[in-house]
Amino acid sequence: MAGGKATGGGGGGGGATTGGGNTGGVKPKHVGKVPTAQPRSQTSRQLMDLKWTYPVHKLAAPEVAEFGTSVAPVREALSREQALAVLAGTDPRPLLVLRECSVCNKTDDALLSRTESNERTLVLARWFHCVKLPVDVVEPDHPFHALFPSNESEHLFVSSFDGSAKVPLESDTSRSELWSAMEKTLAVAYDMDATRSVRGVLAGLDRVDQIESKVAELELRKGELMETPHVDLAKVRKLEADLVALKKEAKDERAAVEKLFQVEVKAAAPGVAR
């Protein structure tokens, strides 16, 4: 894929099982309530949703021997370069790769905090290709073993799409260190000021929340009005018109936030395939 064609905003894609790595391809359970800076509307939470890909490396087809017998392929580790190539696939965005462990299995705890706001982390992650690998990635025969050779390996890392400029991170890394690593990686991949972009997204989410709060208030008022013995149709029509206008405004604000996530990846240097 040409480097300047793909855009960010996928947060790791749509969460489908692709590529190669997780031997089962089973998606972890969704983590419901992640601490944010303030109560957020459903729309805002959807826009900050952290999406992962769970790659499954396909083994070669069984070899058919003489007399029709077959030999089942054996799982084996790929080289680091091969593993990264499978993880990245045709996606030129920078990588955010996390390995699960027995403690954080089927959660996002290795990346997100349960005591601090995660909004900045979640927004920054939308410009990464986020990949989650299973607990057994540390096993010597796992296809992606080269990326996490042991339980002493880092818990996650960010890097360019090809694994260069890798920054290893731990689950207890401070928020400031995490954000700094993410922003530096994004600066290499995109022509963008990550700090300014995050600020723009969060301001947009604030506007979405304010509008949706007004929508909820007007819908409540309309419901109460409709329950009165003598319904004032003129007031009902006025509320309905206001609701139509507010919902359009909310839709426009959501589109504006989504547009902020659509940033083109820099073109690859000559001779570098993407």
C-alpha atoms as a PDB file:
ATOM      1  CA  MET A   1       0.000   0.000   0.000  1.00  0.00           C
ATOM      2  CA  ALA A   2       1.244   3.439  -0.828  1.00  0.00           C
ATOM      3  CA  GLY A   3       2.287   5.270   2.297  1.00  0.00           C
ATOM      4  CA  GLY A   4       0.305   8.480   1.868  1.00  0.00           C
ATOM      5  CA  LYS A   5      -3.041   6.893   1.030  1.00  0.00           C
ATOM      6  CA  ALA A   6      -4.172   5.291   4.253  1.00  0.00           C
ATOM      7  CA  THR A   7      -5.504   7.450   7.057  1.00  0.00           C
ATOM      8  CA  GLY A   8      -5.631   7.161  10.803  1.00  0.00           C
ATOM      9  CA  GLY A   9      -8.767   6.985  12.856  1.00  0.00           C
ATOM     10  CA  GLY A  10      -9.271   3.249  12.873  1.00  0.00           C
ATOM     11  CA  GLY A  11      -7.855   2.687  16.314  1.00  0.00           C
ATOM     12  CA  GLY A  12      -6.532  -0.624  15.157  1.00  0.00           C
ATOM     13  CA  GLY A  13      -9.189  -1.432  12.653  1.00  0.00           C
ATOM     14  CA  GLY A  14     -12.633  -2.755  13.259  1.00  0.00           C
ATOM     15  CA  GLY A  15     -11.640  -5.369  15.797  1.00  0.00           C
ATOM     16  CA  ALA A  16     -11.875  -8.230  13.322  1.00  0.00           C
ATOM     17  CA  THR A  17      -9.542 -11.182  13.369  1.00  0.00           C
ATOM     18  CA  THR A  18      -6.948 -10.676  10.633  1.00  0.00           C
ATOM     19  CA  GLY A  19      -3.346 -11.337   9.725  1.00  0.00           C
ATOM     20  CA  GLY A  20      -1.506 -13.703  12.036  1.00  0.00           C
ATOM     21  CA  GLY A  21      -0.846 -14.332  15.689  1.00  0.00           C
ATOM     22  CA  ASN A  22      -3.573 -15.380  18.122  1.00  0.00           C
ATOM     23  CA  THR A  23      -3.957 -19.098  17.700  1.00  0.00           C
ATOM     24  CA  GLY A  24      -7.641 -18.981  18.555  1.00  0.00           C
ATOM     25  CA  GLY A  25      -8.759 -15.556  17.351  1.00  0.00           C
ATOM     26  CA  VAL A  26     -11.085 -15.214  20.357  1.00  0.00           C
ATOM     27  CA  LYS A  27     -11.946 -11.608  21.138  1.00  0.00           C
ATOM     28  CA  PRO A  28     -11.560 -10.543  24.775  1.00  0.00           C
ATOM     29  CA  LYS A  29     -14.663  -9.421  26.605  1.00  0.00           C
ATOM     30  CA  HIS A  30     -15.550  -5.763  26.175  1.00  0.00           C
ATOM     31  CA  VAL A  31     -14.407  -3.609  29.068  1.00  0.00           C
ATOM     32  CA  GLY A  32     -17.413  -1.508  30.010  1.00  0.00           C
ATOM     33  CA  LYS A  33     -16.732   1.499  32.230  1.00  0.00           C
ATOM     34  CA  VAL A  34     -13.360   3.083  31.589  1.00  0.00           C
ATOM     35  CA  PRO A  35     -12.640   6.171  33.732  1.00  0.00           C
ATOM     36  CA  THR A  36     -12.833   9.399  31.733  1.00  0.00           C
ATOM     37  CA  ALA A  37     -12.403  13.023  32.717  1.00  0.00           C
ATOM     38  CA  GLN A  38     -16.158  13.492  33.031  1.00  0.00           C
ATOM     39  CA  PRO A  39     -19.410  11.674  32.262  1.00  0.00           C
ATOM     40  CA  ARG A  40     -19.603  11.207  28.504  1.00  0.00           C
ATOM     41  CA  SER A  41     -22.500  10.635  26.139  1.00  0.00           C
ATOM     42  CA  GLN A  42     -22.844   7.349  24.314  1.00  0.00           C
ATOM     43  CA  THR A  43     -21.764   9.064  21.096  1.00  0.00           C
ATOM     44  CA  SER A  44     -18.572  10.409  22.677  1.00  0.00           C
ATOM     45  CA  ARG A  45     -17.726   7.004  24.108  1.00  0.00           C
ATOM     46  CA  GLN A  46     -18.216   5.443  20.686  1.00  0.00           C
ATOM     47  CA  LEU A  47     -15.863   8.002  19.146  1.00  0.00           C
ATOM     48  CA  MET A  48     -13.204   7.126  21.742  1.00  0.00           C
ATOM     49  CA  ASP A  49     -13.802   3.397  21.490  1.00  0.00           C
ATOM     50  CA  LEU A  50     -10.573   1.419  21.617  1.00  0.00           C
ATOM     51  CA  LYS A  51     -10.597  -1.136  18.806  1.00  0.00           C
ATOM     52  CA  TRP A  52      -8.097  -3.972  18.537  1.00  0.00           C
ATOM     53  CA  THR A  53      -7.164  -6.488  15.897  1.00  0.00           C
ATOM     54  CA  TYR A  54      -6.528 -10.038  17.071  1.00  0.00           C
ATOM     55  CA  PRO A  55      -4.326 -11.523  14.345  1.00  0.00           C
ATOM     56  CA  VAL A  56      -4.217 -15.250  13.696  1.00  0.00           C
ATOM     57  CA  HIS A  57      -1.259 -16.697  11.873  1.00  0.00           C
ATOM     58  CA  LYS A  58      -2.456 -19.419   9.510  1.00  0.00           C
ATOM     59  CA  LEU A  59      -0.325 -22.516   9.427  1.00  0.00           C
ATOM     60  CA  ALA A  60       0.630 -23.992   6.084  1.00  0.00           C
ATOM     61  CA  ALA A  61      -1.726 -26.565   4.603  1.00  0.00           C
ATOM     62  CA  PRO A  62      -0.965 -30.201   5.585  1.00  0.00           C
ATOM     63  CA  GLU A  63       1.552 -31.849   3.309  1.00  0.00           C
ATOM     64  CA  VAL A  64       0.146 -34.854   1.489  1.00  0.00           C
ATOM     65  CA  ALA A  65       2.628 -37.703   1.585  1.00  0.00           C
ATOM     66  CA  GLU A  66       2.766 -40.921  -0.405  1.00  0.00           C
ATOM     67  CA  PHE A  67      -0.329 -43.161  -0.232  1.00  0.00           C
ATOM     68  CA  GLY A  68      -2.570 -40.217   0.623  1.00  0.00           C
ATOM     69  CA  THR A  69      -1.364 -39.710   4.191  1.00  0.00           C
ATOM     70  CA  SER A  70      -0.836 -36.151   5.414  1.00  0.00           C
ATOM     71  CA  VAL A  71       1.501 -34.514   7.886  1.00  0.00           C
ATOM     72  CA  ALA A  72      -0.038 -31.827  10.070  1.00  0.00           C
ATOM     73  CA  PRO A  73       1.892 -28.541  10.058  1.00  0.00           C
ATOM     74  CA  VAL A  74       3.738 -27.657  13.247  1.00  0.00           C
ATOM     75  CA  ARG A  75       3.344 -24.264  14.877  1.00  0.00           C
ATOM     76  CA  GLU A  76       6.620 -22.394  14.940  1.00  0.00           C
ATOM     77  CA  ALA A  77       7.873 -18.923  15.680  1.00  0.00           C
ATOM     78  CA  LEU A  78       8.357 -16.445  12.864  1.00  0.00           C
ATOM     79  CA  SER A  79      11.363 -14.185  12.663  1.00  0.00           C
ATOM     80  CA  ARG A  80      10.890 -10.707  14.111  1.00  0.00           C
ATOM     81  CA  GLU A  81      10.699  -9.199  10.615  1.00  0.00           C
ATOM     82  CA  GLN A  82       8.123 -11.764   9.495  1.00  0.00           C
ATOM     83  CA  ALA A  83       6.052 -11.309  12.639  1.00  0.00           C
ATOM     84  CA  LEU A  84       5.955  -7.535  12.222  1.00  0.00           C
ATOM     85  CA  ALA A  85       5.062  -7.859   8.550  1.00  0.00           C
ATOM     86  CA  VAL A  86       2.106 -10.106   9.389  1.00  0.00           C
ATOM     87  CA  LEU A  87       0.956  -7.788  12.183  1.00  0.00           C
ATOM     88  CA  ALA A  88       1.142  -4.664  10.034  1.00  0.00           C
ATOM     89  CA  GLY A  89      -0.330  -6.262   6.929  1.00  0.00           C
ATOM     90  CA  THR A  90      -1.225  -3.531   4.439  1.00  0.00           C
ATOM     91  CA  ASP A  91      -1.903  -0.966   7.169  1.00  0.00           C
ATOM     92  CA  PRO A  92       0.779   1.773   7.148  1.00  0.00           C
ATOM     93  CA  ARG A  93      -0.234   3.298  10.476  1.00  0.00           C
ATOM     94  CA  PRO A  94       2.154   3.085  13.434  1.00  0.00           C
ATOM     95  CA  LEU A  95       1.740   0.037  15.661  1.00  0.00           C
ATOM     96  CA  LEU A  96       0.569  -0.188  19.249  1.00  0.00           C
ATOM     97  CA  VAL A  97       1.110  -3.829  20.223  1.00  0.00           C
ATOM     98  CA  LEU A  98       0.028  -5.252  23.588  1.00  0.00           C
ATOM     99  CA  ARG A  99       0.522  -8.720  24.994  1.00  0.00           C
ATOM    100  CA  GLU A 100      -1.944 -10.094  27.489  1.00  0.00           C
ATOM    101  CA  CYS A 101      -0.823 -11.832  30.660  1.00  0.00           C
ATOM    102  CA  SER A 102      -2.543 -13.990  33.255  1.00  0.00           C
ATOM    103  CA  VAL A 103      -3.428 -10.871  35.253  1.00  0.00           C
ATOM    104  CA  CYS A 104      -4.731  -8.564  32.498  1.00  0.00           C
ATOM    105  CA  ASN A 105      -6.123 -11.267  30.189  1.00  0.00           C
ATOM    106  CA  LYS A 106      -9.291 -10.160  28.349  1.00  0.00           C
ATOM    107  CA  THR A 107      -9.003  -6.575  29.604  1.00  0.00           C
ATOM    108  CA  ASP A 108      -7.301  -3.356  28.488  1.00  0.00           C
ATOM    109  CA  ASP A 109      -5.675  -2.866  31.896  1.00  0.00           C
ATOM    110  CA  ALA A 110      -2.145  -2.998  30.495  1.00  0.00           C
ATOM    111  CA  LEU A 111      -2.833   0.216  28.572  1.00  0.00           C
ATOM    112  CA  LEU A 112      -5.615   1.982  30.451  1.00  0.00           C
ATOM    113  CA  SER A 113      -5.787   3.229  34.028  1.00  0.00           C
ATOM    114  CA  ARG A 114      -8.659   2.435  36.370  1.00  0.00           C
ATOM    115  CA  THR A 115      -7.933   5.452  38.572  1.00  0.00           C
ATOM    116  CA  GLU A 116      -7.048   8.225  36.104  1.00  0.00           C
ATOM    117  CA  SER A 117      -8.733   9.645  33.041  1.00  0.00           C
ATOM    118  CA  ASN A 118      -7.977   7.692  29.879  1.00  0.00           C
ATOM    119  CA  GLU A 119      -9.367  10.174  27.391  1.00  0.00           C
ATOM    120  CA  ARG A 120      -6.031  11.324  26.030  1.00  0.00           C
ATOM    121  CA  THR A 121      -4.835   7.721  25.719  1.00  0.00           C
ATOM    122  CA  LEU A 122      -8.010   6.661  23.931  1.00  0.00           C
ATOM    123  CA  VAL A 123      -7.888   9.569  21.488  1.00  0.00           C
ATOM    124  CA  LEU A 124      -4.193   9.039  20.694  1.00  0.00           C
ATOM    125  CA  ALA A 125      -4.843   5.332  20.128  1.00  0.00           C
ATOM    126  CA  ARG A 126      -7.261   6.157  17.307  1.00  0.00           C
ATOM    127  CA  TRP A 127      -4.269   7.071  15.106  1.00  0.00           C
ATOM    128  CA  PHE A 128      -2.545   3.716  15.776  1.00  0.00           C
ATOM    129  CA  HIS A 129      -3.025   0.240  14.380  1.00  0.00           C
ATOM    130  CA  CYS A 130      -3.753  -1.421  17.719  1.00  0.00           C
ATOM    131  CA  VAL A 131      -2.900  -5.113  17.976  1.00  0.00           C
ATOM    132  CA  LYS A 132      -3.466  -7.406  20.941  1.00  0.00           C
ATOM    133  CA  LEU A 133      -1.620 -10.710  21.320  1.00  0.00           C
ATOM    134  CA  PRO A 134      -2.579 -13.619  23.616  1.00  0.00           C
ATOM    135  CA  VAL A 135      -0.994 -14.825  26.842  1.00  0.00           C
ATOM    136  CA  ASP A 136       0.895 -17.652  25.127  1.00  0.00           C
ATOM    137  CA  VAL A 137       2.802 -15.294  22.830  1.00  0.00           C
ATOM    138  CA  VAL A 138       5.783 -15.851  25.162  1.00  0.00           C
ATOM    139  CA  GLU A 139       5.816 -19.584  24.300  1.00  0.00           C
ATOM    140  CA  PRO A 140       8.828 -20.494  22.088  1.00  0.00           C
ATOM    141  CA  ASP A 141       6.661 -21.915  19.283  1.00  0.00           C
ATOM    142  CA  HIS A 142       4.150 -19.047  19.110  1.00  0.00           C
ATOM    143  CA  PRO A 143       4.264 -17.296  15.698  1.00  0.00           C
ATOM    144  CA  PHE A 144       4.895 -13.909  17.346  1.00  0.00           C
ATOM    145  CA  HIS A 145       7.285 -15.126  20.045  1.00  0.00           C
ATOM    146  CA  ALA A 146      10.081 -12.954  18.616  1.00  0.00           C
ATOM    147  CA  LEU A 147       8.189  -9.826  19.636  1.00  0.00           C
ATOM    148  CA  PHE A 148       7.786 -10.895  23.275  1.00  0.00           C
ATOM    149  CA  PRO A 149      10.439 -13.565  24.017  1.00  0.00           C
ATOM    150  CA  SER A 150       9.572 -14.054  27.714  1.00  0.00           C
ATOM    151  CA  ASN A 151       7.437 -12.974  30.650  1.00  0.00           C
ATOM    152  CA  GLU A 152      10.145 -10.420  31.380  1.00  0.00           C
ATOM    153  CA  SER A 153       9.437  -8.690  28.055  1.00  0.00           C
ATOM    154  CA  GLU A 154       7.683  -5.337  28.076  1.00  0.00           C
ATOM    155  CA  HIS A 155       3.900  -5.416  28.259  1.00  0.00           C
ATOM    156  CA  LEU A 156       3.366  -3.316  25.152  1.00  0.00           C
ATOM    157  CA  PHE A 157       5.209  -1.170  22.667  1.00  0.00           C
ATOM    158  CA  VAL A 158       4.623   1.523  20.086  1.00  0.00           C
ATOM    159  CA  SER A 159       6.602   1.718  16.869  1.00  0.00           C
ATOM    160  CA  SER A 160       6.484   2.625  13.207  1.00  0.00           C
ATOM    161  CA  PHE A 161       4.520   0.188  11.029  1.00  0.00           C
ATOM    162  CA  ASP A 162       7.690  -1.811  10.284  1.00  0.00           C
ATOM    163  CA  GLY A 163       8.766  -2.075  13.925  1.00  0.00           C
ATOM    164  CA  SER A 164      11.398   0.653  13.739  1.00  0.00           C
ATOM    165  CA  ALA A 165      11.639   3.394  16.361  1.00  0.00           C
ATOM    166  CA  LYS A 166      10.206   0.973  18.905  1.00  0.00           C
ATOM    167  CA  VAL A 167       9.428   2.288  22.394  1.00  0.00           C
ATOM    168  CA  PRO A 168       8.847  -0.479  24.988  1.00  0.00           C
ATOM    169  CA  LEU A 169       6.289   0.344  27.692  1.00  0.00           C
ATOM    170  CA  GLU A 170       4.977  -1.239  30.877  1.00  0.00           C
ATOM    171  CA  SER A 171       1.468  -1.307  32.329  1.00  0.00           C
ATOM    172  CA  ASP A 172       2.658   0.837  35.249  1.00  0.00           C
ATOM    173  CA  THR A 173       4.314   3.429  32.998  1.00  0.00           C
ATOM    174  CA  SER A 174       3.250   6.936  34.019  1.00  0.00           C
ATOM    175  CA  ARG A 175       0.597   8.600  31.892  1.00  0.00           C
ATOM    176  CA  SER A 176       3.029  11.353  30.893  1.00  0.00           C
ATOM    177  CA  GLU A 177       5.610   8.815  29.664  1.00  0.00           C
ATOM    178  CA  LEU A 178       2.950   6.847  27.788  1.00  0.00           C
ATOM    179  CA  TRP A 179       1.551   9.936  26.079  1.00  0.00           C
ATOM    180  CA  SER A 180       5.020  11.210  25.223  1.00  0.00           C
ATOM    181  CA  ALA A 181       5.913   7.900  23.551  1.00  0.00           C
ATOM    182  CA  MET A 182       2.629   7.804  21.638  1.00  0.00           C
ATOM    183  CA  GLU A 183       2.926  11.415  20.483  1.00  0.00           C
ATOM    184  CA  LYS A 184       6.548  11.027  19.344  1.00  0.00           C
ATOM    185  CA  THR A 185       5.594   7.939  17.340  1.00  0.00           C
ATOM    186  CA  LEU A 186       2.664   9.769  15.755  1.00  0.00           C
ATOM    187  CA  ALA A 187       4.906  12.712  14.863  1.00  0.00           C
ATOM    188  CA  VAL A 188       7.081  10.349  12.812  1.00  0.00           C
ATOM    189  CA  ALA A 189       4.103   8.755  11.031  1.00  0.00           C
ATOM    190  CA  TYR A 190       1.905  11.790  10.399  1.00  0.00           C
ATOM    191  CA  ASP A 191       2.196  15.457   9.541  1.00  0.00           C
ATOM    192  CA  MET A 192       0.311  16.428  12.667  1.00  0.00           C
ATOM    193  CA  ASP A 193       0.667  18.082  16.044  1.00  0.00           C
ATOM    194  CA  ALA A 194      -0.724  15.325  18.276  1.00  0.00           C
ATOM    195  CA  THR A 195      -1.212  17.616  21.283  1.00  0.00           C
ATOM    196  CA  ARG A 196      -3.212  20.101  19.232  1.00  0.00           C
ATOM    197  CA  SER A 197      -5.192  17.321  17.533  1.00  0.00           C
ATOM    198  CA  VAL A 198      -6.148  15.717  20.858  1.00  0.00           C
ATOM    199  CA  ARG A 199      -7.233  19.104  22.169  1.00  0.00           C
ATOM    200  CA  GLY A 200      -9.440  19.573  19.095  1.00  0.00           C
ATOM    201  CA  VAL A 201     -11.024  16.140  19.457  1.00  0.00           C
ATOM    202  CA  LEU A 202     -11.796  16.616  23.156  1.00  0.00           C
ATOM    203  CA  ALA A 203     -13.302  20.044  22.504  1.00  0.00           C
ATOM    204  CA  GLY A 204     -15.473  18.473  19.806  1.00  0.00           C
ATOM    205  CA  LEU A 205     -16.573  15.731  22.191  1.00  0.00           C
ATOM    206  CA  ASP A 206     -17.531  18.394  24.742  1.00  0.00           C
ATOM    207  CA  ARG A 207     -19.774  20.015  22.136  1.00  0.00           C
ATOM    208  CA  VAL A 208     -21.324  16.660  21.231  1.00  0.00           C
ATOM    209  CA  ASP A 209     -22.073  16.014  24.907  1.00  0.00           C
ATOM    210  CA  GLN A 210     -23.626  19.444  25.398  1.00  0.00           C
ATOM    211  CA  ILE A 211     -25.885  19.050  22.374  1.00  0.00           C
ATOM    212  CA  GLU A 212     -26.947  15.523  23.293  1.00  0.00           C
ATOM    213  CA  SER A 213     -27.720  16.706  26.822  1.00  0.00           C
ATOM    214  CA  LYS A 214     -30.051  19.342  25.342  1.00  0.00           C
ATOM    215  CA  VAL A 215     -31.640  16.682  23.122  1.00  0.00           C
ATOM    216  CA  ALA A 216     -32.335  14.470  26.153  1.00  0.00           C
ATOM    217  CA  GLU A 217     -33.808  17.432  28.025  1.00  0.00           C
ATOM    218  CA  LEU A 218     -36.136  18.380  25.156  1.00  0.00           C
ATOM    219  CA  GLU A 219     -37.255  14.786  24.663  1.00  0.00           C
ATOM    220  CA  LEU A 220     -38.122  14.612  28.352  1.00  0.00           C
ATOM    221  CA  ARG A 221     -40.072  17.854  28.120  1.00  0.00           C
ATOM    222  CA  LYS A 222     -41.899  16.594  25.043  1.00  0.00           C
ATOM    223  CA  GLY A 223     -42.838  13.371  26.845  1.00  0.00           C
ATOM    224  CA  GLU A 224     -44.168  15.296  29.828  1.00  0.00           C
ATOM    225  CA  LEU A 225     -46.102  17.629  27.536  1.00  0.00           C
ATOM    226  CA  MET A 226     -47.677  14.716  25.685  1.00  0.00           C
ATOM    227  CA  GLU A 227     -48.953  13.303  28.981  1.00  0.00           C
ATOM    228  CA  THR A 228     -50.888  16.444  29.958  1.00  0.00           C
ATOM    229  CA  PRO A 229     -54.722  16.261  29.753  1.00  0.00           C
ATOM    230  CA  HIS A 230     -54.905  18.928  27.062  1.00  0.00           C
ATOM    231  CA  VAL A 231     -51.859  18.703  24.814  1.00  0.00           C
ATOM    232  CA  ASP A 232     -50.646  22.016  23.444  1.00  0.00           C
ATOM    233  CA  LEU A 233     -49.907  20.951  19.852  1.00  0.00           C
ATOM    234  CA  ALA A 234     -48.174  24.238  19.055  1.00  0.00           C
ATOM    235  CA  LYS A 235     -45.637  23.637  21.844  1.00  0.00           C
ATOM    236  CA  VAL A 236     -45.176  20.044  20.730  1.00  0.00           C
ATOM    237  CA  ARG A 237     -44.435  21.117  17.164  1.00  0.00           C
ATOM    238  CA  LYS A 238     -41.976  23.730  18.439  1.00  0.00           C
ATOM    239  CA  LEU A 239     -40.153  21.115  20.532  1.00  0.00           C
ATOM    240  CA  GLU A 240     -40.060  18.713  17.588  1.00  0.00           C
ATOM    241  CA  ALA A 241     -38.566  21.396  15.343  1.00  0.00           C
ATOM    242  CA  ASP A 242     -35.954  22.195  18.002  1.00  0.00           C
ATOM    243  CA  LEU A 243     -35.137  18.486  18.324  1.00  0.00           C
ATOM    244  CA  VAL A 244     -34.633  18.106  14.578  1.00  0.00           C
ATOM    245  CA  ALA A 245     -32.254  21.073  14.565  1.00  0.00           C
ATOM    246  CA  LEU A 246     -30.301  19.828  17.593  1.00  0.00           C
ATOM    247  CA  LYS A 247     -29.950  16.297  16.235  1.00  0.00           C
ATOM    248  CA  LYS A 248     -28.584  17.681  12.983  1.00  0.00           C
ATOM    249  CA  GLU A 249     -26.136  19.810  14.947  1.00  0.00           C
ATOM    250  CA  ALA A 250     -25.046  16.740  16.930  1.00  0.00           C
ATOM    251  CA  LYS A 251     -24.569  14.785  13.699  1.00  0.00           C
ATOM    252  CA  ASP A 252     -22.468  17.599  12.228  1.00  0.00           C
ATOM    253  CA  GLU A 253     -20.310  17.797  15.367  1.00  0.00           C
ATOM    254  CA  ARG A 254     -19.742  14.046  15.309  1.00  0.00           C
ATOM    255  CA  ALA A 255     -18.699  14.245  11.656  1.00  0.00           C
ATOM    256  CA  ALA A 256     -16.277  17.064  12.537  1.00  0.00           C
ATOM    257  CA  VAL A 257     -14.655  14.927  15.245  1.00  0.00           C
ATOM    258  CA  GLU A 258     -14.413  11.916  12.922  1.00  0.00           C
ATOM    259  CA  LYS A 259     -12.738  14.128  10.326  1.00  0.00           C
ATOM    260  CA  LEU A 260     -10.048  15.053  12.854  1.00  0.00           C
ATOM    261  CA  PHE A 261      -9.152  11.362  13.089  1.00  0.00           C
ATOM    262  CA  GLN A 262      -8.718  11.047   9.318  1.00  0.00           C
ATOM    263  CA  VAL A 263      -5.086  12.055   8.939  1.00  0.00           C
ATOM    264  CA  GLU A 264      -2.974  10.751   6.059  1.00  0.00           C
ATOM    265  CA  VAL A 265       0.105   8.748   6.895  1.00  0.00           C
ATOM    266  CA  LYS A 266       3.315  10.259   5.532  1.00  0.00           C
ATOM    267  CA  ALA A 267       4.556   8.829   2.264  1.00  0.00           C
ATOM    268  CA  ALA A 268       7.187   6.143   2.733  1.00  0.00           C
ATOM    269  CA  ALA A 269      10.757   6.935   1.874  1.00  0.00           C
ATOM    270  CA  PRO A 270      11.928   5.688  -1.546  1.00  0.00           C
ATOM    271  CA  GLY A 271      12.597   1.958  -1.479  1.00  0.00           C
ATOM    272  CA  VAL A 272      10.491   1.376   1.644  1.00  0.00           C
ATOM    273  CA  ALA A 273       7.389  -0.731   0.983  1.00  0.00           C
ATOM    274  CA  ARG A 274       4.158  -0.051   2.809  1.00  0.00           C
END
